[in-house]
């Protein structure tokens, strides 16, 4: 007779098999059997977030590094709180498992007013996830869990939600139902004929441009070889660092700088690798990209999604770029004169951005000097994040400049926590605004409790600075509803038991950031922008607002 264990216990054991290091969650009467099993076994770290949105965002950040993030939420309103974070994970293509409770199976979809019940929860989970499953049979629970993880980890990756009624979580099943982990669906091998055809097109170009997106995050070696061979490289902000900033062929992510745009216009071939070519990086798709245009994407539905392509190759970016790079034996394109022109275009873009940032360019420099070379920047959607954080701050490797791709504010703090827990030996700077951090302010307590190695940099301008800039540019300077009452974040941090500093002069950036980043564990630096001066920002470059 096989040993009998609860489904909750079986879930905990299965997650251990997948080498899950941490689960981020909020415990509830409708997920306690799972949380209890994790706690009893003591093999997986449980991070108690202060809200479901925060827990899923932390798991998202963790999954970007580990290959699988795991979040546990309650049902009903609890699961609903996670929707925005799931949307972000969808945009970032993060491999994420979201486990949520459900009411007892007998009351599912009955609309009886049972505690935590919500109508048609599975539908809103399907809308915000890559896939969503409901476990209706205890004996099938682990099989569905395997399927969900496989879906989450199969490119294009994404969050997969699994709802489990509370009575099924506590039901007993044979331990023999725990089976070995399943692998993601394998990606088809690259066709040599496809490689040869693409290579012929690429080699025929006098000066090709390679545009990198998140689908190319695992392509660093191949990209460097192509860049060494003379391919000019520009990236989405998500793909910053796939080619390190210091490489002579890198245009970083300066898509909308006039000098870079002029250089792009002189290229005669565009190879787009795993990028959506998002609106804010292409001036709402008005940025001219040279023909011929060839797109590599694992998703067939991505073909000509935003730009008309001459050819779309459905393939894994890393595999195809690696095959291309193997054919590049020495320098194939460009010359020293072209290299100089690339560096001049980049230097003009950097100089223009530094001028726009004013005194805050010094803050960027102070962090660069004080943060170890392997340190990570995690930035919220805020004026500073969109200006110096996104393009000025260094990126010497993939996933060294993390941010919200969905464009929602409030994710910076929990994202920094998840990043730090996934990278315990690396220092993290969490760049947030006062408006954004207020959405998940409770996670400051999580930061303190978990002793995450994060220095939270709060850029306090007393409101929504991004909205101020947009209203000034597009609404005749009329300013409404962007002023916010904010706490003294330095005192708030002290109340949480965190070390904290406040800065009111640009001259103090170096000293404060050096001191704060030298201390292991959590800390807070509040930059009081009212005393230092405003940042000039008017939203993403575009021809019209609408």
Protein backbone atom coordinates (compact mmCIF):
# COMPACT_ATOMS: atom_id res chain seq x y z
CA UNK A 1 0.00 0.00 0.00
CA UNK A 2 1.48 3.32 -1.08
CA UNK A 3 2.03 6.01 1.55
CA UNK A 4 -0.77 8.59 1.53
CA UNK A 5 0.04 12.29 1.69
CA UNK A 6 -1.97 15.48 1.18
CA UNK A 7 -2.06 17.24 -2.15
CA UNK A 8 -0.47 20.22 -0.39
CA UNK A 9 2.45 18.03 0.66
CA UNK A 10 2.72 16.59 -2.85
CA UNK A 11 2.87 20.12 -4.29
CA UNK A 12 5.67 21.08 -1.90
CA UNK A 13 7.63 17.94 -2.79
CA UNK A 14 7.13 18.52 -6.50
CA UNK A 15 8.37 22.11 -6.30
CA UNK A 16 11.43 20.82 -4.47
CA UNK A 17 12.08 18.49 -7.41
CA UNK A 18 12.14 21.52 -9.68
CA UNK A 19 14.76 23.03 -7.35
CA UNK A 20 12.52 25.96 -6.45
CA UNK A 21 14.44 28.14 -4.00
CA UNK A 22 11.71 30.52 -2.88
CA UNK A 23 7.94 30.88 -2.91
CA UNK A 24 6.50 34.39 -2.60
CA UNK A 25 3.05 34.60 -1.17
CA UNK A 26 0.32 35.72 1.17
CA UNK A 27 -1.15 32.96 3.30
CA UNK A 28 -4.90 32.57 3.53
CA UNK A 29 -7.50 30.10 4.72
CA UNK A 30 -7.76 28.98 1.10
CA UNK A 31 -4.08 28.12 0.60
CA UNK A 32 -2.91 27.07 4.07
CA UNK A 33 -2.57 23.33 3.29
CA UNK A 34 0.10 24.19 0.72
CA UNK A 35 1.83 26.77 2.93
CA UNK A 36 1.72 24.38 5.90
CA UNK A 37 3.39 21.65 3.86
CA UNK A 38 6.12 24.01 2.68
CA UNK A 39 6.69 25.14 6.26
CA UNK A 40 6.79 21.62 7.70
CA UNK A 41 9.28 20.41 5.14
CA UNK A 42 11.48 23.50 5.47
CA UNK A 43 13.28 23.03 2.16
CA UNK A 44 11.93 26.06 0.28
CA UNK A 45 12.17 29.63 1.53
CA UNK A 46 8.75 31.23 1.93
CA UNK A 47 8.76 35.02 1.52
CA UNK A 48 5.65 36.57 3.10
CA UNK A 49 4.77 39.50 0.87
CA UNK A 50 2.38 42.14 2.16
CA UNK A 51 0.10 41.87 -0.86
CA UNK A 52 -0.60 39.51 -3.73
CA UNK A 53 0.57 42.04 -6.32
CA UNK A 54 3.90 42.22 -4.54
CA UNK A 55 4.22 38.45 -4.21
CA UNK A 56 3.71 37.79 -7.92
CA UNK A 57 6.06 40.65 -8.88
CA UNK A 58 8.75 39.23 -6.58
CA UNK A 59 8.26 35.81 -8.14
CA UNK A 60 8.44 37.40 -11.61
CA UNK A 61 11.81 38.96 -10.81
CA UNK A 62 13.09 35.70 -9.34
CA UNK A 63 11.94 33.74 -12.38
CA UNK A 64 13.83 36.01 -14.77
CA UNK A 65 17.06 34.75 -13.16
CA UNK A 66 16.25 31.23 -11.96
CA UNK A 67 14.09 29.94 -14.80
CA UNK A 68 10.98 29.50 -12.64
CA UNK A 69 9.36 31.93 -10.22
CA UNK A 70 6.64 30.68 -7.88
CA UNK A 71 3.89 32.71 -6.19
CA UNK A 72 1.11 31.59 -3.84
CA UNK A 73 -2.02 33.71 -3.43
CA UNK A 74 -5.46 33.41 -1.97
CA UNK A 75 -8.63 33.11 -3.99
CA UNK A 76 -11.19 35.73 -5.01
CA UNK A 77 -9.98 39.25 -4.32
CA UNK A 78 -6.56 37.82 -3.44
CA UNK A 79 -6.18 36.25 -6.88
CA UNK A 80 -7.57 39.43 -8.41
CA UNK A 81 -4.87 41.50 -6.73
CA UNK A 82 -2.30 39.47 -8.65
CA UNK A 83 -3.66 40.31 -12.12
CA UNK A 84 -1.52 43.40 -12.78
CA UNK A 85 1.64 41.54 -11.82
CA UNK A 86 0.65 38.63 -14.08
CA UNK A 87 0.23 41.08 -16.96
CA UNK A 88 3.78 42.30 -16.33
CA UNK A 89 5.12 38.74 -16.33
CA UNK A 90 3.30 38.16 -19.63
CA UNK A 91 5.00 41.20 -21.15
CA UNK A 92 8.40 40.07 -19.87
CA UNK A 93 7.82 36.42 -20.93
CA UNK A 94 8.81 35.30 -17.44
CA UNK A 95 8.57 31.60 -16.55
CA UNK A 96 6.25 31.90 -13.55
CA UNK A 97 3.97 29.50 -11.69
CA UNK A 98 1.07 31.21 -9.92
CA UNK A 99 -0.75 28.91 -7.49
CA UNK A 100 -3.99 30.27 -6.11
CA UNK A 101 -6.53 28.77 -3.79
CA UNK A 102 -10.20 28.24 -4.49
CA UNK A 103 -13.31 27.64 -2.44
CA UNK A 104 -14.46 24.09 -1.78
CA UNK A 105 -15.22 22.19 -4.95
CA UNK A 106 -18.91 21.88 -4.04
CA UNK A 107 -19.31 25.67 -4.04
CA UNK A 108 -17.30 26.47 -7.17
CA UNK A 109 -19.11 28.91 -9.47
CA UNK A 110 -22.25 28.59 -7.34
CA UNK A 111 -22.52 32.34 -6.63
CA UNK A 112 -23.65 31.66 -3.08
CA UNK A 113 -21.58 34.31 -1.32
CA UNK A 114 -19.14 31.75 0.10
CA UNK A 115 -16.21 33.54 1.74
CA UNK A 116 -13.48 34.49 -0.77
CA UNK A 117 -15.69 33.38 -3.65
CA UNK A 118 -15.58 35.36 -6.87
CA UNK A 119 -17.49 34.81 -10.04
CA UNK A 120 -15.54 33.18 -12.87
CA UNK A 121 -12.09 33.53 -11.35
CA UNK A 122 -10.61 31.19 -13.96
CA UNK A 123 -11.60 33.59 -16.75
CA UNK A 124 -9.66 36.55 -15.40
CA UNK A 125 -6.69 34.30 -14.71
CA UNK A 126 -6.79 33.10 -18.32
CA UNK A 127 -6.93 36.69 -19.52
CA UNK A 128 -3.82 37.69 -17.54
CA UNK A 129 -1.75 34.50 -17.87
CA UNK A 130 -0.26 32.47 -20.68
CA UNK A 131 -2.54 29.63 -19.53
CA UNK A 132 -4.72 28.90 -16.51
CA UNK A 133 -5.81 25.56 -15.08
CA UNK A 134 -8.29 24.42 -12.45
CA UNK A 135 -7.58 21.24 -10.52
CA UNK A 136 -10.84 19.36 -10.07
CA UNK A 137 -9.46 15.95 -9.14
CA UNK A 138 -6.96 15.34 -6.35
CA UNK A 139 -5.41 12.44 -8.22
CA UNK A 140 -4.66 14.72 -11.18
CA UNK A 141 -3.21 17.60 -9.16
CA UNK A 142 0.46 16.80 -9.66
CA UNK A 143 0.00 15.98 -13.33
CA UNK A 144 -1.57 19.40 -13.90
CA UNK A 145 1.17 21.06 -11.86
CA UNK A 146 3.78 19.46 -14.13
CA UNK A 147 1.86 20.63 -17.18
CA UNK A 148 1.64 24.17 -15.83
CA UNK A 149 5.38 24.33 -15.16
CA UNK A 150 6.11 22.94 -18.60
CA UNK A 151 3.88 25.62 -20.17
CA UNK A 152 5.54 28.36 -18.12
CA UNK A 153 9.04 27.28 -19.16
CA UNK A 154 8.33 26.63 -22.84
CA UNK A 155 9.27 29.58 -25.08
CA UNK A 156 7.72 32.04 -25.42
CA UNK A 157 7.63 31.69 -21.64
CA UNK A 158 5.02 33.29 -19.42
CA UNK A 159 3.00 33.04 -16.20
CA UNK A 160 0.71 30.06 -15.77
CA UNK A 161 -1.97 30.10 -13.07
CA UNK A 162 -3.31 27.03 -11.28
CA UNK A 163 -6.32 27.28 -8.97
CA UNK A 164 -6.81 24.52 -6.41
CA UNK A 165 -9.95 24.17 -4.27
CA UNK A 166 -9.18 24.06 -0.57
CA UNK A 167 -10.67 20.60 -0.06
CA UNK A 168 -8.50 19.19 -2.84
CA UNK A 169 -5.40 20.75 -1.24
CA UNK A 170 -6.13 18.78 1.92
CA UNK A 171 -7.18 15.53 0.21
CA UNK A 172 -4.97 12.45 0.55
CA UNK A 173 -3.34 10.90 -2.49
CA UNK A 174 -0.76 8.10 -2.92
CA UNK A 175 2.81 9.38 -2.76
CA UNK A 176 3.43 7.32 -5.90
CA UNK A 177 1.59 10.02 -7.88
CA UNK A 178 4.64 12.26 -7.44
CA UNK A 179 6.56 11.83 -10.66
CA UNK A 180 9.79 13.22 -12.06
CA UNK A 181 9.91 16.80 -13.34
CA UNK A 182 9.01 17.37 -16.97
CA UNK A 183 11.12 19.41 -19.36
CA UNK A 184 9.92 22.36 -21.41
CA UNK A 185 8.74 21.52 -24.90
CA UNK A 186 11.90 21.30 -26.98
CA UNK A 187 12.63 23.92 -29.58
CA UNK A 188 13.10 22.60 -33.10
CA UNK A 189 16.67 22.50 -34.35
CA UNK A 190 17.72 25.27 -36.69
CA UNK A 191 17.48 24.25 -40.34
CA UNK A 192 20.89 24.56 -41.99
CA UNK A 193 19.24 25.78 -45.19
CA UNK A 194 17.66 28.64 -43.23
CA UNK A 195 21.03 29.50 -41.71
CA UNK A 196 22.72 29.47 -45.10
CA UNK A 197 20.06 31.69 -46.69
CA UNK A 198 20.15 34.20 -43.84
CA UNK A 199 23.93 34.22 -43.87
CA UNK A 200 23.94 34.97 -47.59
CA UNK A 201 21.62 37.95 -47.00
CA UNK A 202 23.62 39.18 -44.04
CA UNK A 203 26.97 38.87 -45.82
CA UNK A 204 25.64 40.74 -48.84
CA UNK A 205 24.86 43.77 -46.66
CA UNK A 206 27.45 46.53 -46.44
CA UNK A 207 26.40 47.53 -42.92
CA UNK A 208 23.79 45.39 -41.12
CA UNK A 209 21.90 46.41 -37.99
CA UNK A 210 20.97 43.87 -35.31
CA UNK A 211 18.04 44.88 -33.07
CA UNK A 212 17.91 42.78 -29.90
CA UNK A 213 14.85 42.09 -27.76
CA UNK A 214 14.06 39.96 -24.73
CA UNK A 215 14.00 36.84 -26.88
CA UNK A 216 17.75 37.24 -27.34
CA UNK A 217 18.70 37.37 -23.65
CA UNK A 218 20.46 34.00 -23.90
CA UNK A 219 22.42 34.99 -27.01
CA UNK A 220 25.25 37.03 -25.48
CA UNK A 221 28.15 34.98 -26.88
CA UNK A 222 26.73 34.89 -30.40
CA UNK A 223 25.87 38.58 -30.37
CA UNK A 224 29.39 39.50 -29.29
CA UNK A 225 30.88 37.47 -32.15
CA UNK A 226 28.60 39.18 -34.66
CA UNK A 227 29.41 42.58 -33.15
CA UNK A 228 33.13 41.75 -33.30
CA UNK A 229 32.59 40.99 -36.99
CA UNK A 230 31.18 44.47 -37.53
CA UNK A 231 27.41 44.13 -37.09
CA UNK A 232 26.03 47.28 -35.42
CA UNK A 233 23.83 46.41 -32.43
CA UNK A 234 20.96 48.26 -30.79
CA UNK A 235 18.72 46.75 -28.14
CA UNK A 236 15.40 47.15 -26.44
CA UNK A 237 15.75 48.35 -22.87
CA UNK A 238 14.91 44.78 -21.75
CA UNK A 239 17.86 43.42 -23.74
CA UNK A 240 20.37 45.99 -22.50
CA UNK A 241 23.67 44.35 -21.73
CA UNK A 242 23.30 41.34 -24.02
CA UNK A 243 26.05 43.20 -25.81
CA UNK A 244 27.95 45.10 -23.10
CA UNK A 245 27.73 48.87 -23.31
CA UNK A 246 31.46 49.23 -23.84
CA UNK A 247 31.58 47.27 -27.09
CA UNK A 248 32.52 49.39 -30.11
CA UNK A 249 29.43 48.19 -32.04
CA UNK A 250 26.88 48.97 -29.32
CA UNK A 251 24.30 51.74 -29.70
CA UNK A 252 22.81 50.62 -26.37
CA UNK A 253 19.10 51.54 -26.33
CA UNK A 254 19.29 55.04 -27.81
CA UNK A 255 16.60 54.40 -30.44
CA UNK A 256 15.10 57.88 -30.39
CA UNK A 257 18.24 59.99 -30.35
CA UNK A 258 18.68 61.98 -33.61
CA UNK A 259 22.34 61.03 -33.97
CA UNK A 260 21.59 57.32 -33.58
CA UNK A 261 18.59 57.52 -35.89
CA UNK A 262 20.78 59.11 -38.55
CA UNK A 263 23.29 56.30 -38.19
CA UNK A 264 20.57 53.63 -38.44
CA UNK A 265 19.41 55.24 -41.69
CA UNK A 266 22.84 54.47 -43.17
CA UNK A 267 22.50 50.73 -42.48
CA UNK A 268 21.23 48.52 -45.31
CA UNK A 269 19.89 45.44 -43.51
CA UNK A 270 17.86 45.01 -40.29
CA UNK A 271 17.87 41.75 -38.35
CA UNK A 272 15.33 41.84 -35.48
CA UNK A 273 16.01 39.15 -32.88
CA UNK A 274 13.25 38.41 -30.39
CA UNK A 275 11.85 41.94 -30.11
CA UNK A 276 8.32 43.30 -30.24
CA UNK A 277 9.70 46.65 -31.45
CA UNK A 278 7.56 48.33 -28.83
CA UNK A 279 5.88 51.69 -29.35
CA UNK A 280 7.97 53.65 -26.85
CA UNK A 281 11.19 52.43 -28.48
CA UNK A 282 10.16 53.13 -32.07
CA UNK A 283 8.32 56.43 -31.68
CA UNK A 284 5.00 54.58 -32.07
CA UNK A 285 6.41 52.64 -35.05
CA UNK A 286 7.45 55.71 -37.03
CA UNK A 287 11.19 55.07 -36.65
CA UNK A 288 12.45 53.97 -40.06
CA UNK A 289 14.20 50.61 -40.09
CA UNK A 290 16.34 49.76 -43.11
CA UNK A 291 15.28 47.15 -45.67
CA UNK A 292 15.54 44.30 -46.12
CA UNK A 293 14.09 43.43 -42.74
CA UNK A 294 14.40 39.93 -41.33
CA UNK A 295 12.79 38.89 -38.05
CA UNK A 296 13.69 35.97 -35.80
CA UNK A 297 11.05 34.96 -33.26
CA UNK A 298 10.04 31.73 -31.54
CA UNK A 299 6.39 32.76 -31.80
CA UNK A 300 4.88 32.40 -35.29
CA UNK A 301 2.22 34.98 -34.39
CA UNK A 302 4.93 37.62 -34.06
CA UNK A 303 5.45 37.84 -37.82
CA UNK A 304 5.23 41.47 -39.00
CA UNK A 305 3.41 42.31 -35.77
CA UNK A 306 4.48 45.96 -35.70
CA UNK A 307 6.71 46.41 -38.76
CA UNK A 308 6.26 44.77 -42.13
CA UNK A 309 9.05 42.25 -42.50
CA UNK A 310 10.55 40.92 -45.69
CA UNK A 311 11.14 37.57 -43.98
CA UNK A 312 10.15 36.07 -40.63
CA UNK A 313 12.07 33.07 -39.35
CA UNK A 314 10.33 31.06 -36.65
CA UNK A 315 13.28 29.92 -34.59
CA UNK A 316 15.03 30.19 -31.26
CA UNK A 317 17.13 33.37 -31.31
CA UNK A 318 20.07 31.91 -29.41
CA UNK A 319 20.29 28.88 -31.71
CA UNK A 320 20.01 30.83 -34.96
CA UNK A 321 22.33 33.66 -33.91
CA UNK A 322 24.87 31.09 -32.70
CA UNK A 323 24.77 29.39 -36.10
CA UNK A 324 25.23 32.75 -37.84
CA UNK A 325 28.09 33.73 -35.55
CA UNK A 326 29.90 30.50 -36.36
CA UNK A 327 30.10 31.64 -39.99
CA UNK A 328 31.60 35.03 -39.15
CA UNK A 329 35.33 34.42 -39.28
CA UNK A 330 36.94 37.75 -38.52
CA UNK A 331 35.71 41.15 -39.59
CA UNK A 332 33.01 40.98 -42.27
CA UNK A 333 31.44 44.47 -42.14
CA UNK A 334 32.40 48.02 -41.41
CA UNK A 335 35.82 49.39 -40.62
CA UNK A 336 37.57 51.71 -38.19
CA UNK A 337 35.88 54.71 -39.77
CA UNK A 338 32.43 53.18 -39.18
CA UNK A 339 33.38 52.33 -35.61
CA UNK A 340 34.24 55.97 -35.05
CA UNK A 341 30.89 57.06 -36.46
CA UNK A 342 29.06 54.63 -34.16
CA UNK A 343 30.92 55.97 -31.15
CA UNK A 344 30.31 59.58 -32.20
CA UNK A 345 26.57 58.95 -32.59
CA UNK A 346 26.48 57.26 -29.19
CA UNK A 347 28.49 60.05 -27.56
CA UNK A 348 26.07 62.68 -28.89
CA UNK A 349 23.12 60.67 -27.55
CA UNK A 350 24.75 60.29 -24.15
CA UNK A 351 25.67 63.98 -23.99
CA UNK A 352 22.11 64.99 -24.85
CA UNK A 353 20.69 62.73 -22.16
CA UNK A 354 23.15 63.96 -19.54
CA UNK A 355 22.18 67.53 -20.32
CA UNK A 356 18.50 66.61 -19.98
CA UNK A 357 19.17 64.92 -16.64
CA UNK A 358 21.09 67.88 -15.26
CA UNK A 359 22.27 67.32 -11.69
CA UNK A 360 20.87 63.79 -11.68
CA UNK A 361 23.52 62.63 -14.14
CA UNK A 362 25.82 62.95 -11.12
CA UNK A 363 23.57 60.55 -9.21
CA UNK A 364 23.92 58.03 -12.03
CA UNK A 365 27.69 58.44 -11.83
CA UNK A 366 27.72 58.10 -8.05
CA UNK A 367 25.86 54.79 -8.20
CA UNK A 368 28.07 53.48 -11.01
CA UNK A 369 31.16 54.18 -8.91
CA UNK A 370 29.79 52.73 -5.67
CA UNK A 371 27.90 49.69 -6.99
CA UNK A 372 30.05 46.59 -7.55
CA UNK A 373 30.54 45.59 -11.17
CA UNK A 374 28.12 42.69 -10.79
CA UNK A 375 25.54 44.89 -9.04
CA UNK A 376 22.01 45.13 -10.41
CA UNK A 377 19.71 48.07 -11.07
CA UNK A 378 15.96 47.49 -10.74
CA UNK A 379 13.90 50.48 -11.75
CA UNK A 380 10.27 51.38 -11.44
CA UNK A 381 8.38 53.45 -14.00
CA UNK A 382 9.43 56.88 -12.82
CA UNK A 383 11.05 59.94 -14.35
CA UNK A 384 14.52 58.91 -13.21
CA UNK A 385 14.01 55.34 -14.37
CA UNK A 386 12.84 56.44 -17.80
CA UNK A 387 15.75 58.87 -18.26
CA UNK A 388 19.10 58.07 -16.69
CA UNK A 389 18.06 54.68 -15.34
CA UNK A 390 17.03 53.22 -18.68
CA UNK A 391 19.85 54.37 -20.97
CA UNK A 392 22.57 56.17 -19.06
CA UNK A 393 23.16 53.63 -16.33
CA UNK A 394 25.58 50.88 -17.32
CA UNK A 395 24.59 47.42 -18.52
CA UNK A 396 27.56 45.08 -18.83
CA UNK A 397 25.56 41.88 -19.10
CA UNK A 398 22.00 40.66 -19.65
CA UNK A 399 19.44 41.24 -16.89
CA UNK A 400 21.54 43.87 -15.14
CA UNK A 401 18.95 46.60 -15.68
CA UNK A 402 15.54 45.21 -14.69
CA UNK A 403 12.26 47.07 -15.16
CA UNK A 404 8.55 46.80 -15.81
CA UNK A 405 7.85 46.08 -19.47
CA UNK A 406 4.11 46.57 -19.06
CA UNK A 407 4.74 50.18 -18.08
CA UNK A 408 2.89 49.99 -14.77
CA UNK A 409 4.17 51.92 -11.76
CA UNK A 410 4.59 50.38 -8.34
CA UNK A 411 6.54 47.24 -9.24
CA UNK A 412 10.03 48.52 -8.50
CA UNK A 413 10.20 47.70 -4.79
CA UNK A 414 8.89 44.09 -4.93
CA UNK A 415 10.86 43.50 -8.14
CA UNK A 416 14.03 44.59 -6.34
CA UNK A 417 13.29 42.23 -3.45
CA UNK A 418 12.75 39.25 -5.76
CA UNK A 419 15.90 40.13 -7.70
CA UNK A 420 17.96 40.29 -4.51
CA UNK A 421 16.66 36.98 -3.17
CA UNK A 422 17.41 35.33 -6.54
CA UNK A 423 20.95 36.82 -6.43
CA UNK A 424 22.01 36.67 -2.77
CA UNK A 425 25.66 37.52 -3.51
CA UNK A 426 24.91 40.64 -5.55
CA UNK A 427 23.97 44.14 -4.47
CA UNK A 428 20.72 45.56 -5.86
CA UNK A 429 19.70 49.18 -6.26
CA UNK A 430 15.93 49.64 -6.42
CA UNK A 431 15.12 52.92 -8.20
CA UNK A 432 11.58 54.09 -7.41
CA UNK A 433 9.53 57.27 -7.34
CA UNK A 434 7.44 58.45 -4.42
CA UNK A 435 4.23 57.88 -6.38
CA UNK A 436 5.10 54.39 -7.55
CA UNK A 437 6.51 53.10 -4.29
CA UNK A 438 3.30 54.11 -2.52
CA UNK A 439 1.38 51.43 -4.46
CA UNK A 440 3.34 48.67 -2.72
CA UNK A 441 4.56 50.57 0.31
CA UNK A 442 3.88 47.60 2.59
CA UNK A 443 6.62 45.67 0.84
CA UNK A 444 9.10 47.91 2.62
CA UNK A 445 8.32 45.74 5.64
CA UNK A 446 9.06 42.66 3.52
CA UNK A 447 12.38 44.23 2.55
CA UNK A 448 13.24 44.68 6.22
CA UNK A 449 11.98 41.28 7.36
CA UNK A 450 13.76 39.33 4.62
CA UNK A 451 16.96 41.38 4.97
CA UNK A 452 17.18 41.58 1.19
CA UNK A 453 20.42 43.12 -0.08
CA UNK A 454 18.69 46.15 -1.61
CA UNK A 455 19.38 49.84 -1.38
CA UNK A 456 16.03 51.43 -2.17
CA UNK A 457 16.52 54.79 -3.88
CA UNK A 458 13.35 56.86 -3.50
CA UNK A 459 13.19 59.80 -5.90
CA UNK A 460 10.73 62.05 -4.08
CA UNK A 461 9.30 64.87 -6.17
CA UNK A 462 5.97 64.95 -4.35
CA UNK A 463 3.88 63.49 -7.13
CA UNK A 464 3.71 61.96 -10.57
CA UNK A 465 6.64 63.57 -12.38
CA UNK A 466 5.99 61.68 -15.61
CA UNK A 467 2.42 62.99 -15.73
CA UNK A 468 3.61 66.53 -15.04
CA UNK A 469 5.86 66.41 -18.07
CA UNK A 470 3.16 64.99 -20.34
CA UNK A 471 0.56 67.50 -19.14
CA UNK A 472 3.03 70.31 -19.68
CA UNK A 473 3.78 69.24 -23.24
CA UNK A 474 0.40 68.05 -24.48
CA UNK A 475 -2.16 69.83 -22.30
CA UNK A 476 -0.97 73.42 -22.51
CA UNK A 477 0.80 73.24 -19.17
CA UNK A 478 -2.42 72.55 -17.24
CA UNK A 479 -1.54 70.51 -14.18
CA UNK A 480 -4.19 68.38 -12.48
CA UNK A 481 -4.13 65.55 -9.95
CA UNK A 482 -0.41 64.91 -10.01
CA UNK A 483 0.45 66.35 -6.60
CA UNK A 484 0.68 63.73 -3.86
CA UNK A 485 1.00 63.89 -0.10
CA UNK A 486 3.99 61.72 0.69
CA UNK A 487 5.53 60.58 3.95
CA UNK A 488 9.03 61.35 5.05
CA UNK A 489 10.51 58.19 3.56
CA UNK A 490 13.66 58.48 5.64
CA UNK A 491 11.68 58.48 8.88
CA UNK A 492 9.44 55.73 7.52
CA UNK A 493 12.48 53.58 6.79
CA UNK A 494 13.80 54.17 10.31
CA UNK A 495 10.41 53.12 11.68
CA UNK A 496 10.78 49.88 9.72
CA UNK A 497 14.18 49.30 11.30
CA UNK A 498 16.08 50.18 8.14
CA UNK A 499 19.17 52.32 7.79
CA UNK A 500 18.30 55.42 5.80
CA UNK A 501 19.71 58.63 4.41
CA UNK A 502 18.15 61.70 2.83
CA UNK A 503 19.85 63.82 0.18
CA UNK A 504 19.00 67.43 -0.57
CA UNK A 505 22.13 68.49 -2.50
CA UNK A 506 23.66 67.00 -5.63
CA UNK A 507 27.06 67.52 -4.05
CA UNK A 508 26.21 64.79 -1.53
CA UNK A 509 25.34 62.06 -4.05
CA UNK A 510 28.82 60.51 -4.04
CA UNK A 511 29.24 60.33 -0.27
CA UNK A 512 25.75 59.03 0.48
CA UNK A 513 25.66 56.40 -2.25
CA UNK A 514 29.15 55.19 -1.34
CA UNK A 515 28.13 54.77 2.29
CA UNK A 516 24.73 53.20 1.58
CA UNK A 517 25.98 50.69 -1.00
CA UNK A 518 28.88 49.61 1.18
CA UNK A 519 26.48 48.29 3.82
CA UNK A 520 25.17 44.75 3.23
CA UNK A 521 21.45 44.21 3.57
CA UNK A 522 18.52 46.59 3.14
CA UNK A 523 18.71 50.36 3.28
CA UNK A 524 16.88 53.40 1.93
CA UNK A 525 18.14 56.62 0.34
CA UNK A 526 15.57 59.37 -0.16
CA UNK A 527 16.44 61.97 -2.78
CA UNK A 528 14.43 65.12 -2.11
CA UNK A 529 14.06 66.43 -5.62
CA UNK A 530 12.24 69.58 -4.57
CA UNK A 531 15.50 70.89 -3.12
CA UNK A 532 17.71 69.64 -5.97
CA UNK A 533 15.57 70.47 -9.00
CA UNK A 534 13.16 68.90 -11.45
CA UNK A 535 13.92 66.46 -14.26
CA UNK A 536 12.76 67.33 -17.78
CA UNK A 537 10.52 64.58 -19.13
CA UNK A 538 7.54 64.62 -21.48
CA UNK A 539 6.71 60.95 -22.00
CA UNK A 540 7.73 58.57 -24.77
CA UNK A 541 8.71 60.27 -28.05
CA UNK A 542 5.72 60.28 -30.38
CA UNK A 543 4.14 62.45 -33.06
CA UNK A 544 0.89 62.94 -31.17
CA UNK A 545 -0.34 62.04 -27.73
CA UNK A 546 -3.08 59.75 -28.88
